[in-house]
PDB file of N, CA and C in Angstrom:
ATOM      1  N   MET A   1     215.309-139.154 143.778  1.00  0.00           N
ATOM      2  CA  MET A   1     215.485-138.935 142.343  1.00  0.00           C
ATOM      3  C   MET A   1     216.391-137.716 142.161  1.00  0.00           C
ATOM      4  N   SER A   2     217.437-137.850 141.399  1.00  0.00           N
ATOM      5  CA  SER A   2     218.350-136.724 141.180  1.00  0.00           C
ATOM      6  C   SER A   2     217.772-135.774 140.144  1.00  0.00           C
ATOM      7  N   SER A   3     218.304-134.554 140.143  1.00  0.00           N
ATOM      8  CA  SER A   3     217.771-133.549 139.214  1.00  0.00           C
ATOM      9  C   SER A   3     218.001-133.940 137.757  1.00  0.00           C
ATOM     10  N   SER A   4     218.993-134.792 137.489  1.00  0.00           N
ATOM     11  CA  SER A   4     219.235-135.212 136.109  1.00  0.00           C
ATOM     12  C   SER A   4     218.131-136.139 135.603  1.00  0.00           C
ATOM     13  N   GLU A   5     217.349-136.687 136.530  1.00  0.00           N
ATOM     14  CA  GLU A   5     216.255-137.574 136.148  1.00  0.00           C
ATOM     15  C   GLU A   5     214.918-136.836 136.115  1.00  0.00           C
ATOM     16  N   GLN A   6     214.969-135.507 136.308  1.00  0.00           N
ATOM     17  CA  GLN A   6     213.751-134.714 136.273  1.00  0.00           C
ATOM     18  C   GLN A   6     213.878-133.600 135.244  1.00  0.00           C
ATOM     19  N   VAL A   7     212.735-133.169 134.773  1.00  0.00           N
ATOM     20  CA  VAL A   7     212.655-132.000 133.903  1.00  0.00           C
ATOM     21  C   VAL A   7     211.610-131.076 134.513  1.00  0.00           C
ATOM     22  N   ARG A   8     211.590-129.865 134.037  1.00  0.00           N
ATOM     23  CA  ARG A   8     210.526-128.928 134.398  1.00  0.00           C
ATOM     24  C   ARG A   8     209.983-128.382 133.096  1.00  0.00           C
ATOM     25  N   ALA A   9     208.674-128.232 133.031  1.00  0.00           N
ATOM     26  CA  ALA A   9     208.068-127.793 131.776  1.00  0.00           C
ATOM     27  C   ALA A   9     206.806-126.996 132.034  1.00  0.00           C
ATOM     28  N   SER A  10     206.461-126.214 131.035  1.00  0.00           N
ATOM     29  CA  SER A  10     205.178-125.534 130.959  1.00  0.00           C
ATOM     30  C   SER A  10     204.498-126.027 129.692  1.00  0.00           C
ATOM     31  N   HIS A  11     203.187-125.961 129.669  1.00  0.00           N
ATOM     32  CA  HIS A  11     202.490-126.395 128.450  1.00  0.00           C
ATOM     33  C   HIS A  11     201.236-125.577 128.249  1.00  0.00           C
ATOM     34  N   ILE A  12     200.755-125.650 127.030  1.00  0.00           N
ATOM     35  CA  ILE A  12     199.451-125.104 126.664  1.00  0.00           C
ATOM     36  C   ILE A  12     198.651-126.283 126.133  1.00  0.00           C
ATOM     37  N   LEU A  13     197.538-126.565 126.773  1.00  0.00           N
ATOM     38  CA  LEU A  13     196.677-127.681 126.406  1.00  0.00           C
ATOM     39  C   LEU A  13     195.394-127.141 125.790  1.00  0.00           C
ATOM     40  N   ILE A  14     195.062-127.657 124.624  1.00  0.00           N
ATOM     41  CA  ILE A  14     193.760-127.392 124.015  1.00  0.00           C
ATOM     42  C   ILE A  14     193.036-128.737 123.958  1.00  0.00           C
ATOM     43  N   LYS A  15     191.981-128.846 124.754  1.00  0.00           N
ATOM     44  CA  LYS A  15     191.172-130.066 124.736  1.00  0.00           C
ATOM     45  C   LYS A  15     190.246-130.022 123.523  1.00  0.00           C
ATOM     46  N   HIS A  16     189.828-131.208 123.093  1.00  0.00           N
ATOM     47  CA  HIS A  16     188.924-131.319 121.942  1.00  0.00           C
ATOM     48  C   HIS A  16     187.996-132.503 122.147  1.00  0.00           C
ATOM     49  N   GLU A  17     187.151-132.748 121.177  1.00  0.00           N
ATOM     50  CA  GLU A  17     186.137-133.798 121.301  1.00  0.00           C
ATOM     51  C   GLU A  17     186.717-135.171 121.607  1.00  0.00           C
ATOM     52  N   GLY A  18     187.973-135.410 121.273  1.00  0.00           N
ATOM     53  CA  GLY A  18     188.615-136.694 121.541  1.00  0.00           C
ATOM     54  C   GLY A  18     189.312-136.769 122.883  1.00  0.00           C
ATOM     55  N   SER A  19     189.286-135.697 123.646  1.00  0.00           N
ATOM     56  CA  SER A  19     189.943-135.671 124.954  1.00  0.00           C
ATOM     57  C   SER A  19     189.209-136.567 125.942  1.00  0.00           C
ATOM     58  N   ARG A  20     189.952-137.176 126.839  1.00  0.00           N
ATOM     59  CA  ARG A  20     189.319-138.113 127.776  1.00  0.00           C
ATOM     60  C   ARG A  20     188.387-137.420 128.763  1.00  0.00           C
ATOM     61  N   ARG A  21     188.706-136.184 129.153  1.00  0.00           N
ATOM     62  CA  ARG A  21     187.800-135.407 130.011  1.00  0.00           C
ATOM     63  C   ARG A  21     187.380-134.167 129.253  1.00  0.00           C
ATOM     64  N   LYS A  22     186.089-133.934 129.188  1.00  0.00           N
ATOM     65  CA  LYS A  22     185.594-132.839 128.366  1.00  0.00           C
ATOM     66  C   LYS A  22     185.210-131.615 129.194  1.00  0.00           C
ATOM     67  N   SER A  23     185.951-131.358 130.249  1.00  0.00           N
ATOM     68  CA  SER A  23     185.725-130.140 131.026  1.00  0.00           C
ATOM     69  C   SER A  23     187.082-129.573 131.412  1.00  0.00           C
ATOM     70  N   SER A  24     187.094-128.303 131.727  1.00  0.00           N
ATOM     71  CA  SER A  24     188.318-127.659 132.186  1.00  0.00           C
ATOM     72  C   SER A  24     187.948-126.478 133.053  1.00  0.00           C
ATOM     73  N   TRP A  25     188.946-125.854 133.631  1.00  0.00           N
ATOM     74  CA  TRP A  25     188.707-124.678 134.474  1.00  0.00           C
ATOM     75  C   TRP A  25     187.986-123.585 133.691  1.00  0.00           C
ATOM     76  N   SER A  26     188.283-123.493 132.389  1.00  0.00           N
ATOM     77  CA  SER A  26     187.683-122.428 131.580  1.00  0.00           C
ATOM     78  C   SER A  26     186.399-122.867 130.874  1.00  0.00           C
ATOM     79  N   ASP A  27     186.103-124.140 130.916  1.00  0.00           N
ATOM     80  CA  ASP A  27     184.909-124.684 130.256  1.00  0.00           C
ATOM     81  C   ASP A  27     184.337-125.814 131.131  1.00  0.00           C
ATOM     82  N   PRO A  28     183.814-125.463 132.322  1.00  0.00           N
ATOM     83  CA  PRO A  28     183.387-126.488 133.276  1.00  0.00           C
ATOM     84  C   PRO A  28     182.308-127.432 132.753  1.00  0.00           C
ATOM     85  N   GLU A  29     181.477-126.959 131.853  1.00  0.00           N
ATOM     86  CA  GLU A  29     180.429-127.811 131.285  1.00  0.00           C
ATOM     87  C   GLU A  29     180.934-128.613 130.085  1.00  0.00           C
ATOM     88  N   GLY A  30     182.092-128.268 129.557  1.00  0.00           N
ATOM     89  CA  GLY A  30     182.672-128.978 128.430  1.00  0.00           C
ATOM     90  C   GLY A  30     182.002-128.706 127.099  1.00  0.00           C
ATOM     91  N   ARG A  31     181.234-127.642 127.009  1.00  0.00           N
ATOM     92  CA  ARG A  31     180.515-127.353 125.752  1.00  0.00           C
ATOM     93  C   ARG A  31     181.471-126.989 124.625  1.00  0.00           C
ATOM     94  N   ARG A  32     182.394-126.062 124.895  1.00  0.00           N
ATOM     95  CA  ARG A  32     183.356-125.650 123.863  1.00  0.00           C
ATOM     96  C   ARG A  32     184.263-126.821 123.493  1.00  0.00           C
ATOM     97  N   ILE A  33     184.719-127.544 124.506  1.00  0.00           N
ATOM     98  CA  ILE A  33     185.633-128.668 124.265  1.00  0.00           C
ATOM     99  C   ILE A  33     184.951-129.729 123.407  1.00  0.00           C
ATOM    100  N   SER A  34     183.727-130.085 123.735  1.00  0.00           N
ATOM    101  CA  SER A  34     182.999-131.105 122.966  1.00  0.00           C
ATOM    102  C   SER A  34     182.764-130.680 121.523  1.00  0.00           C
ATOM    103  N   ALA A  35     182.700-129.382 121.278  1.00  0.00           N
ATOM    104  CA  ALA A  35     182.450-128.868 119.924  1.00  0.00           C
ATOM    105  C   ALA A  35     183.745-128.613 119.146  1.00  0.00           C
ATOM    106  N   THR A  36     184.899-128.802 119.787  1.00  0.00           N
ATOM    107  CA  THR A  36     186.179-128.525 119.129  1.00  0.00           C
ATOM    108  C   THR A  36     186.739-129.791 118.497  1.00  0.00           C
ATOM    109  N   LYS A  37     187.001-129.737 117.221  1.00  0.00           N
ATOM    110  CA  LYS A  37     187.626-130.854 116.500  1.00  0.00           C
ATOM    111  C   LYS A  37     189.132-130.832 116.757  1.00  0.00           C
ATOM    112  N   ARG A  38     189.768-131.971 116.687  1.00  0.00           N
ATOM    113  CA  ARG A  38     191.214-132.044 116.897  1.00  0.00           C
ATOM    114  C   ARG A  38     191.948-131.132 115.923  1.00  0.00           C
ATOM    115  N   ASP A  39     191.548-131.132 114.653  1.00  0.00           N
ATOM    116  CA  ASP A  39     192.219-130.299 113.648  1.00  0.00           C
ATOM    117  C   ASP A  39     192.180-128.828 114.021  1.00  0.00           C
ATOM    118  N   SER A  40     191.077-128.388 114.604  1.00  0.00           N
ATOM    119  CA  SER A  40     190.939-127.004 115.036  1.00  0.00           C
ATOM    120  C   SER A  40     191.880-126.705 116.205  1.00  0.00           C
ATOM    121  N   ALA A  41     191.963-127.636 117.156  1.00  0.00           N
ATOM    122  CA  ALA A  41     192.874-127.473 118.293  1.00  0.00           C
ATOM    123  C   ALA A  41     194.323-127.385 117.812  1.00  0.00           C
ATOM    124  N   VAL A  42     194.690-128.254 116.885  1.00  0.00           N
ATOM    125  CA  VAL A  42     196.053-128.267 116.342  1.00  0.00           C
ATOM    126  C   VAL A  42     196.350-126.966 115.598  1.00  0.00           C
ATOM    127  N   ALA A  43     195.409-126.507 114.798  1.00  0.00           N
ATOM    128  CA  ALA A  43     195.605-125.253 114.051  1.00  0.00           C
ATOM    129  C   ALA A  43     195.801-124.082 115.013  1.00  0.00           C
ATOM    130  N   GLN A  44     195.009-124.045 116.066  1.00  0.00           N
ATOM    131  CA  GLN A  44     195.141-122.981 117.058  1.00  0.00           C
ATOM    132  C   GLN A  44     196.513-123.037 117.728  1.00  0.00           C
ATOM    133  N   LEU A  45     196.954-124.229 118.093  1.00  0.00           N
ATOM    134  CA  LEU A  45     198.263-124.372 118.736  1.00  0.00           C
ATOM    135  C   LEU A  45     199.410-124.008 117.796  1.00  0.00           C
ATOM    136  N   LYS A  46     199.287-124.342 116.513  1.00  0.00           N
ATOM    137  CA  LYS A  46     200.335-123.975 115.553  1.00  0.00           C
ATOM    138  C   LYS A  46     200.469-122.463 115.447  1.00  0.00           C
ATOM    139  N   THR A  47     199.338-121.767 115.403  1.00  0.00           N
ATOM    140  CA  THR A  47     199.355-120.301 115.349  1.00  0.00           C
ATOM    141  C   THR A  47     199.970-119.732 116.621  1.00  0.00           C
ATOM    142  N   ILE A  48     199.569-120.263 117.769  1.00  0.00           N
ATOM    143  CA  ILE A  48     200.124-119.818 119.047  1.00  0.00           C
ATOM    144  C   ILE A  48     201.627-120.036 119.069  1.00  0.00           C
ATOM    145  N   ARG A  49     202.070-121.224 118.660  1.00  0.00           N
ATOM    146  CA  ARG A  49     203.503-121.540 118.668  1.00  0.00           C
ATOM    147  C   ARG A  49     204.269-120.576 117.767  1.00  0.00           C
ATOM    148  N   ASP A  50     203.746-120.339 116.576  1.00  0.00           N
ATOM    149  CA  ASP A  50     204.402-119.413 115.638  1.00  0.00           C
ATOM    150  C   ASP A  50     204.532-118.017 116.257  1.00  0.00           C
ATOM    151  N   ASP A  51     203.484-117.545 116.924  1.00  0.00           N
ATOM    152  CA  ASP A  51     203.512-116.222 117.544  1.00  0.00           C
ATOM    153  C   ASP A  51     204.526-116.160 118.685  1.00  0.00           C
ATOM    154  N   ILE A  52     204.636-117.223 119.466  1.00  0.00           N
ATOM    155  CA  ILE A  52     205.610-117.252 120.559  1.00  0.00           C
ATOM    156  C   ILE A  52     207.026-117.243 120.003  1.00  0.00           C
ATOM    157  N   VAL A  53     207.285-118.104 119.022  1.00  0.00           N
ATOM    158  CA  VAL A  53     208.622-118.197 118.426  1.00  0.00           C
ATOM    159  C   VAL A  53     209.016-116.873 117.766  1.00  0.00           C
ATOM    160  N   ALA A  54     208.047-116.183 117.170  1.00  0.00           N
ATOM    161  CA  ALA A  54     208.312-114.898 116.502  1.00  0.00           C
ATOM    162  C   ALA A  54     208.434-113.742 117.494  1.00  0.00           C
ATOM    163  N   GLY A  55     208.186-114.020 118.781  1.00  0.00           N
ATOM    164  CA  GLY A  55     208.291-112.975 119.789  1.00  0.00           C
ATOM    165  C   GLY A  55     207.082-112.060 119.875  1.00  0.00           C
ATOM    166  N   LYS A  56     205.976-112.455 119.248  1.00  0.00           N
ATOM    167  CA  LYS A  56     204.760-111.630 119.268  1.00  0.00           C
ATOM    168  C   LYS A  56     203.998-111.757 120.586  1.00  0.00           C
ATOM    169  N   THR A  57     204.214-112.837 121.289  1.00  0.00           N
ATOM    170  CA  THR A  57     203.545-113.080 122.565  1.00  0.00           C
ATOM    171  C   THR A  57     204.429-113.964 123.430  1.00  0.00           C
ATOM    172  N   ARG A  58     204.096-114.047 124.707  1.00  0.00           N
ATOM    173  CA  ARG A  58     204.870-114.860 125.645  1.00  0.00           C
ATOM    174  C   ARG A  58     204.116-116.140 125.970  1.00  0.00           C
ATOM    175  N   PHE A  59     204.864-117.210 126.113  1.00  0.00           N
ATOM    176  CA  PHE A  59     204.287-118.524 126.394  1.00  0.00           C
ATOM    177  C   PHE A  59     203.369-118.465 127.610  1.00  0.00           C
ATOM    178  N   ASP A  60     203.872-117.905 128.718  1.00  0.00           N
ATOM    179  CA  ASP A  60     203.088-117.897 129.951  1.00  0.00           C
ATOM    180  C   ASP A  60     201.822-117.052 129.844  1.00  0.00           C
ATOM    181  N   ASP A  61     201.878-115.975 129.064  1.00  0.00           N
ATOM    182  CA  ASP A  61     200.687-115.146 128.872  1.00  0.00           C
ATOM    183  C   ASP A  61     199.589-115.918 128.131  1.00  0.00           C
ATOM    184  N   VAL A  62     199.989-116.612 127.074  1.00  0.00           N
ATOM    185  CA  VAL A  62     199.009-117.380 126.293  1.00  0.00           C
ATOM    186  C   VAL A  62     198.468-118.539 127.125  1.00  0.00           C
ATOM    187  N   ALA A  63     199.355-119.222 127.834  1.00  0.00           N
ATOM    188  CA  ALA A  63     198.913-120.342 128.679  1.00  0.00           C
ATOM    189  C   ALA A  63     197.887-119.869 129.699  1.00  0.00           C
ATOM    190  N   SER A  64     198.138-118.728 130.310  1.00  0.00           N
ATOM    191  CA  SER A  64     197.220-118.196 131.333  1.00  0.00           C
ATOM    192  C   SER A  64     195.832-117.931 130.778  1.00  0.00           C
ATOM    193  N   ARG A  65     195.779-117.516 129.525  1.00  0.00           N
ATOM    194  CA  ARG A  65     194.493-117.165 128.913  1.00  0.00           C
ATOM    195  C   ARG A  65     193.797-118.333 128.238  1.00  0.00           C
ATOM    196  N   LEU A  66     194.560-119.219 127.594  1.00  0.00           N
ATOM    197  CA  LEU A  66     193.943-120.184 126.681  1.00  0.00           C
ATOM    198  C   LEU A  66     194.069-121.660 127.053  1.00  0.00           C
ATOM    199  N   SER A  67     195.007-122.015 127.917  1.00  0.00           N
ATOM    200  CA  SER A  67     195.207-123.428 128.205  1.00  0.00           C
ATOM    201  C   SER A  67     194.017-124.012 128.951  1.00  0.00           C
ATOM    202  N   ASP A  68     193.637-125.230 128.589  1.00  0.00           N
ATOM    203  CA  ASP A  68     192.548-125.935 129.254  1.00  0.00           C
ATOM    204  C   ASP A  68     193.021-126.700 130.489  1.00  0.00           C
ATOM    205  N   CYS A  69     194.264-126.553 130.865  1.00  0.00           N
ATOM    206  CA  CYS A  69     194.798-127.203 132.067  1.00  0.00           C
ATOM    207  C   CYS A  69     194.757-126.217 133.235  1.00  0.00           C
ATOM    208  N   SER A  70     194.555-126.727 134.424  1.00  0.00           N
ATOM    209  CA  SER A  70     194.553-125.851 135.600  1.00  0.00           C
ATOM    210  C   SER A  70     195.911-125.192 135.818  1.00  0.00           C
ATOM    211  N   SER A  71     196.958-125.704 135.179  1.00  0.00           N
ATOM    212  CA  SER A  71     198.283-125.067 135.260  1.00  0.00           C
ATOM    213  C   SER A  71     198.266-123.678 134.615  1.00  0.00           C
ATOM    214  N   ALA A  72     197.187-123.351 133.917  1.00  0.00           N
ATOM    215  CA  ALA A  72     197.048-122.008 133.318  1.00  0.00           C
ATOM    216  C   ALA A  72     197.202-120.933 134.396  1.00  0.00           C
ATOM    217  N   LYS A  73     196.754-121.244 135.595  1.00  0.00           N
ATOM    218  CA  LYS A  73     196.851-120.280 136.702  1.00  0.00           C
ATOM    219  C   LYS A  73     198.304-119.974 137.056  1.00  0.00           C
ATOM    220  N   ARG A  74     199.231-120.819 136.605  1.00  0.00           N
ATOM    221  CA  ARG A  74     200.670-120.631 136.836  1.00  0.00           C
ATOM    222  C   ARG A  74     201.405-120.390 135.518  1.00  0.00           C
ATOM    223  N   GLY A  75     200.703-119.876 134.527  1.00  0.00           N
ATOM    224  CA  GLY A  75     201.325-119.635 133.231  1.00  0.00           C
ATOM    225  C   GLY A  75     201.708-120.906 132.498  1.00  0.00           C
ATOM    226  N   GLY A  76     201.034-122.002 132.837  1.00  0.00           N
ATOM    227  CA  GLY A  76     201.298-123.291 132.203  1.00  0.00           C
ATOM    228  C   GLY A  76     202.339-124.136 132.905  1.00  0.00           C
ATOM    229  N   ASP A  77     202.944-123.609 133.978  1.00  0.00           N
ATOM    230  CA  ASP A  77     204.028-124.317 134.682  1.00  0.00           C
ATOM    231  C   ASP A  77     203.518-125.574 135.363  1.00  0.00           C
ATOM    232  N   LEU A  78     204.136-126.704 135.030  1.00  0.00           N
ATOM    233  CA  LEU A  78     203.794-127.989 135.631  1.00  0.00           C
ATOM    234  C   LEU A  78     204.728-128.354 136.774  1.00  0.00           C
ATOM    235  N   GLY A  79     205.799-127.579 136.952  1.00  0.00           N
ATOM    236  CA  GLY A  79     206.782-127.909 137.967  1.00  0.00           C
ATOM    237  C   GLY A  79     207.666-129.058 137.499  1.00  0.00           C
ATOM    238  N   PRO A  80     208.562-129.519 138.370  1.00  0.00           N
ATOM    239  CA  PRO A  80     209.451-130.616 137.992  1.00  0.00           C
ATOM    240  C   PRO A  80     208.731-131.966 138.030  1.00  0.00           C
ATOM    241  N   PHE A  81     209.141-132.849 137.141  1.00  0.00           N
ATOM    242  CA  PHE A  81     208.600-134.208 137.145  1.00  0.00           C
ATOM    243  C   PHE A  81     209.620-135.166 136.558  1.00  0.00           C
ATOM    244  N   GLY A  82     209.467-136.418 136.921  1.00  0.00           N
ATOM    245  CA  GLY A  82     210.366-137.459 136.446  1.00  0.00           C
ATOM    246  C   GLY A  82     209.660-138.406 135.500  1.00  0.00           C
ATOM    247  N   ARG A  83     210.388-139.397 135.073  1.00  0.00           N
ATOM    248  CA  ARG A  83     209.827-140.419 134.184  1.00  0.00           C
ATOM    249  C   ARG A  83     208.693-141.157 134.893  1.00  0.00           C
ATOM    250  N   GLY A  84     207.650-141.455 134.140  1.00  0.00           N
ATOM    251  CA  GLY A  84     206.530-142.211 134.673  1.00  0.00           C
ATOM    252  C   GLY A  84     205.468-141.361 135.354  1.00  0.00           C
ATOM    253  N   GLN A  85     205.641-140.040 135.363  1.00  0.00           N
ATOM    254  CA  GLN A  85     204.669-139.178 136.033  1.00  0.00           C
ATOM    255  C   GLN A  85     203.686-138.516 135.075  1.00  0.00           C
ATOM    256  N   MET A  86     204.004-138.501 133.801  1.00  0.00           N
ATOM    257  CA  MET A  86     203.142-137.887 132.785  1.00  0.00           C
ATOM    258  C   MET A  86     202.785-138.948 131.745  1.00  0.00           C
ATOM    259  N   GLN A  87     201.814-138.635 130.892  1.00  0.00           N
ATOM    260  CA  GLN A  87     201.500-139.553 129.805  1.00  0.00           C
ATOM    261  C   GLN A  87     202.738-139.695 128.912  1.00  0.00           C
ATOM    262  N   LYS A  88     202.968-140.897 128.421  1.00  0.00           N
ATOM    263  CA  LYS A  88     204.215-141.225 127.714  1.00  0.00           C
ATOM    264  C   LYS A  88     204.557-140.272 126.573  1.00  0.00           C
ATOM    265  N   PRO A  89     203.642-139.919 125.668  1.00  0.00           N
ATOM    266  CA  PRO A  89     204.022-139.006 124.582  1.00  0.00           C
ATOM    267  C   PRO A  89     204.506-137.654 125.120  1.00  0.00           C
ATOM    268  N   PHE A  90     203.827-137.158 126.152  1.00  0.00           N
ATOM    269  CA  PHE A  90     204.189-135.876 126.756  1.00  0.00           C
ATOM    270  C   PHE A  90     205.576-135.978 127.392  1.00  0.00           C
ATOM    271  N   GLU A  91     205.778-137.031 128.145  1.00  0.00           N
ATOM    272  CA  GLU A  91     207.059-137.262 128.812  1.00  0.00           C
ATOM    273  C   GLU A  91     208.202-137.405 127.802  1.00  0.00           C
ATOM    274  N   ASP A  92     208.013-138.224 126.786  1.00  0.00           N
ATOM    275  CA  ASP A  92     209.074-138.460 125.802  1.00  0.00           C
ATOM    276  C   ASP A  92     209.509-137.166 125.128  1.00  0.00           C
ATOM    277  N   VAL A  93     208.541-136.355 124.726  1.00  0.00           N
ATOM    278  CA  VAL A  93     208.867-135.092 124.062  1.00  0.00           C
ATOM    279  C   VAL A  93     209.568-134.146 125.030  1.00  0.00           C
ATOM    280  N   THR A  94     209.041-134.022 126.241  1.00  0.00           N
ATOM    281  CA  THR A  94     209.636-133.090 127.201  1.00  0.00           C
ATOM    282  C   THR A  94     211.086-133.448 127.492  1.00  0.00           C
ATOM    283  N   PHE A  95     211.375-134.716 127.713  1.00  0.00           N
ATOM    284  CA  PHE A  95     212.746-135.136 128.006  1.00  0.00           C
ATOM    285  C   PHE A  95     213.670-134.940 126.803  1.00  0.00           C
ATOM    286  N   SER A  96     213.113-134.899 125.584  1.00  0.00           N
ATOM    287  CA  SER A  96     213.946-134.719 124.389  1.00  0.00           C
ATOM    288  C   SER A  96     214.242-133.250 124.085  1.00  0.00           C
ATOM    289  N   LEU A  97     213.483-132.330 124.690  1.00  0.00           N
ATOM    290  CA  LEU A  97     213.685-130.903 124.434  1.00  0.00           C
ATOM    291  C   LEU A  97     214.878-130.366 125.207  1.00  0.00           C
ATOM    292  N   LYS A  98     215.491-129.316 124.666  1.00  0.00           N
ATOM    293  CA  LYS A  98     216.498-128.561 125.404  1.00  0.00           C
ATOM    294  C   LYS A  98     215.759-127.490 126.206  1.00  0.00           C
ATOM    295  N   VAL A  99     216.363-127.020 127.291  1.00  0.00           N
ATOM    296  CA  VAL A  99     215.758-125.961 128.095  1.00  0.00           C
ATOM    297  C   VAL A  99     215.516-124.740 127.203  1.00  0.00           C
ATOM    298  N   GLY A 100     214.294-124.219 127.262  1.00  0.00           N
ATOM    299  CA  GLY A 100     213.902-123.070 126.448  1.00  0.00           C
ATOM    300  C   GLY A 100     213.302-123.434 125.108  1.00  0.00           C
ATOM    301  N   GLU A 101     213.395-124.689 124.722  1.00  0.00           N
ATOM    302  CA  GLU A 101     212.869-125.144 123.427  1.00  0.00           C
ATOM    303  C   GLU A 101     211.380-125.449 123.546  1.00  0.00           C
ATOM    304  N   ILE A 102     210.639-125.176 122.468  1.00  0.00           N
ATOM    305  CA  ILE A 102     209.197-125.413 122.419  1.00  0.00           C
ATOM    306  C   ILE A 102     208.922-126.539 121.429  1.00  0.00           C
ATOM    307  N   SER A 103     208.104-127.463 121.854  1.00  0.00           N
ATOM    308  CA  SER A 103     207.778-128.629 121.020  1.00  0.00           C
ATOM    309  C   SER A 103     206.860-128.267 119.866  1.00  0.00           C
ATOM    310  N   ASP A 104     206.760-129.208 118.939  1.00  0.00           N
ATOM    311  CA  ASP A 104     205.680-129.179 117.969  1.00  0.00           C
ATOM    312  C   ASP A 104     204.434-129.675 118.707  1.00  0.00           C
ATOM    313  N   ILE A 105     203.380-129.962 117.992  1.00  0.00           N
ATOM    314  CA  ILE A 105     202.140-130.436 118.611  1.00  0.00           C
ATOM    315  C   ILE A 105     202.362-131.838 119.185  1.00  0.00           C
ATOM    316  N   VAL A 106     201.892-132.034 120.406  1.00  0.00           N
ATOM    317  CA  VAL A 106     201.975-133.331 121.073  1.00  0.00           C
ATOM    318  C   VAL A 106     200.553-133.740 121.444  1.00  0.00           C
ATOM    319  N   ASP A 107     200.149-134.916 120.990  1.00  0.00           N
ATOM    320  CA  ASP A 107     198.811-135.427 121.309  1.00  0.00           C
ATOM    321  C   ASP A 107     198.896-136.445 122.435  1.00  0.00           C
ATOM    322  N   THR A 108     197.996-136.291 123.409  1.00  0.00           N
ATOM    323  CA  THR A 108     197.844-137.262 124.486  1.00  0.00           C
ATOM    324  C   THR A 108     196.355-137.521 124.665  1.00  0.00           C
ATOM    325  N   ASP A 109     196.026-138.381 125.610  1.00  0.00           N
ATOM    326  CA  ASP A 109     194.614-138.634 125.912  1.00  0.00           C
ATOM    327  C   ASP A 109     193.920-137.384 126.438  1.00  0.00           C
ATOM    328  N   SER A 110     194.708-136.435 126.948  1.00  0.00           N
ATOM    329  CA  SER A 110     194.136-135.202 127.509  1.00  0.00           C
ATOM    330  C   SER A 110     193.770-134.185 126.439  1.00  0.00           C
ATOM    331  N   GLY A 111     194.419-134.257 125.283  1.00  0.00           N
ATOM    332  CA  GLY A 111     194.187-133.300 124.211  1.00  0.00           C
ATOM    333  C   GLY A 111     195.484-133.025 123.459  1.00  0.00           C
ATOM    334  N   SER A 112     195.575-131.843 122.870  1.00  0.00           N
ATOM    335  CA  SER A 112     196.753-131.446 122.094  1.00  0.00           C
ATOM    336  C   SER A 112     197.504-130.359 122.874  1.00  0.00           C
ATOM    337  N   HIS A 113     198.820-130.461 122.850  1.00  0.00           N
ATOM    338  CA  HIS A 113     199.656-129.563 123.645  1.00  0.00           C
ATOM    339  C   HIS A 113     200.788-128.982 122.808  1.00  0.00           C
ATOM    340  N   ILE A 114     201.328-127.861 123.274  1.00  0.00           N
ATOM    341  CA  ILE A 114     202.698-127.483 122.977  1.00  0.00           C
ATOM    342  C   ILE A 114     203.380-127.383 124.340  1.00  0.00           C
ATOM    343  N   ILE A 115     204.635-127.792 124.361  1.00  0.00           N
ATOM    344  CA  ILE A 115     205.389-127.892 125.608  1.00  0.00           C
ATOM    345  C   ILE A 115     206.642-127.055 125.505  1.00  0.00           C
ATOM    346  N   MET A 116     206.961-126.330 126.566  1.00  0.00           N
ATOM    347  CA  MET A 116     208.233-125.626 126.651  1.00  0.00           C
ATOM    348  C   MET A 116     208.985-126.185 127.855  1.00  0.00           C
ATOM    349  N   ARG A 117     210.176-126.716 127.580  1.00  0.00           N
ATOM    350  CA  ARG A 117     210.999-127.204 128.689  1.00  0.00           C
ATOM    351  C   ARG A 117     211.626-125.997 129.371  1.00  0.00           C
ATOM    352  N   THR A 118     211.475-125.940 130.675  1.00  0.00           N
ATOM    353  CA  THR A 118     211.973-124.794 131.438  1.00  0.00           C
ATOM    354  C   THR A 118     213.099-125.166 132.408  1.00  0.00           C
ATOM    355  N   GLY A 119     213.366-126.444 132.534  1.00  0.00           N
ATOM    356  CA  GLY A 119     214.438-126.860 133.431  1.00  0.00           C
ATOM    357  C   GLY A 119     214.737-128.323 133.300  1.00  0.00           C
TER     358      GLY A 119
END
């Protein structure tokens, strides 16, 4: 696969009651996740996105603290991936972003995300 067929991205995932798996590295029992409504997850991500865009915080810092994905340990970095490796909504948005651009809210079976294309 050539590099033109791959992207690299970081994300911040907030799981909620509608997520397919209700546990994460930061909530192994899934108590917080099960009690979180989608609207609450989206509102939290919108605030986070606004703060990142305004320069009040850094994407990787927030991902490390708040993301429900194990990629939090890497500041949200998912590494490079190609088509067919991620859930379709996540993949479609990531491939449409320019490097350095941050998505709006993206919903997948895993939860709600904001994505930053890094390569």
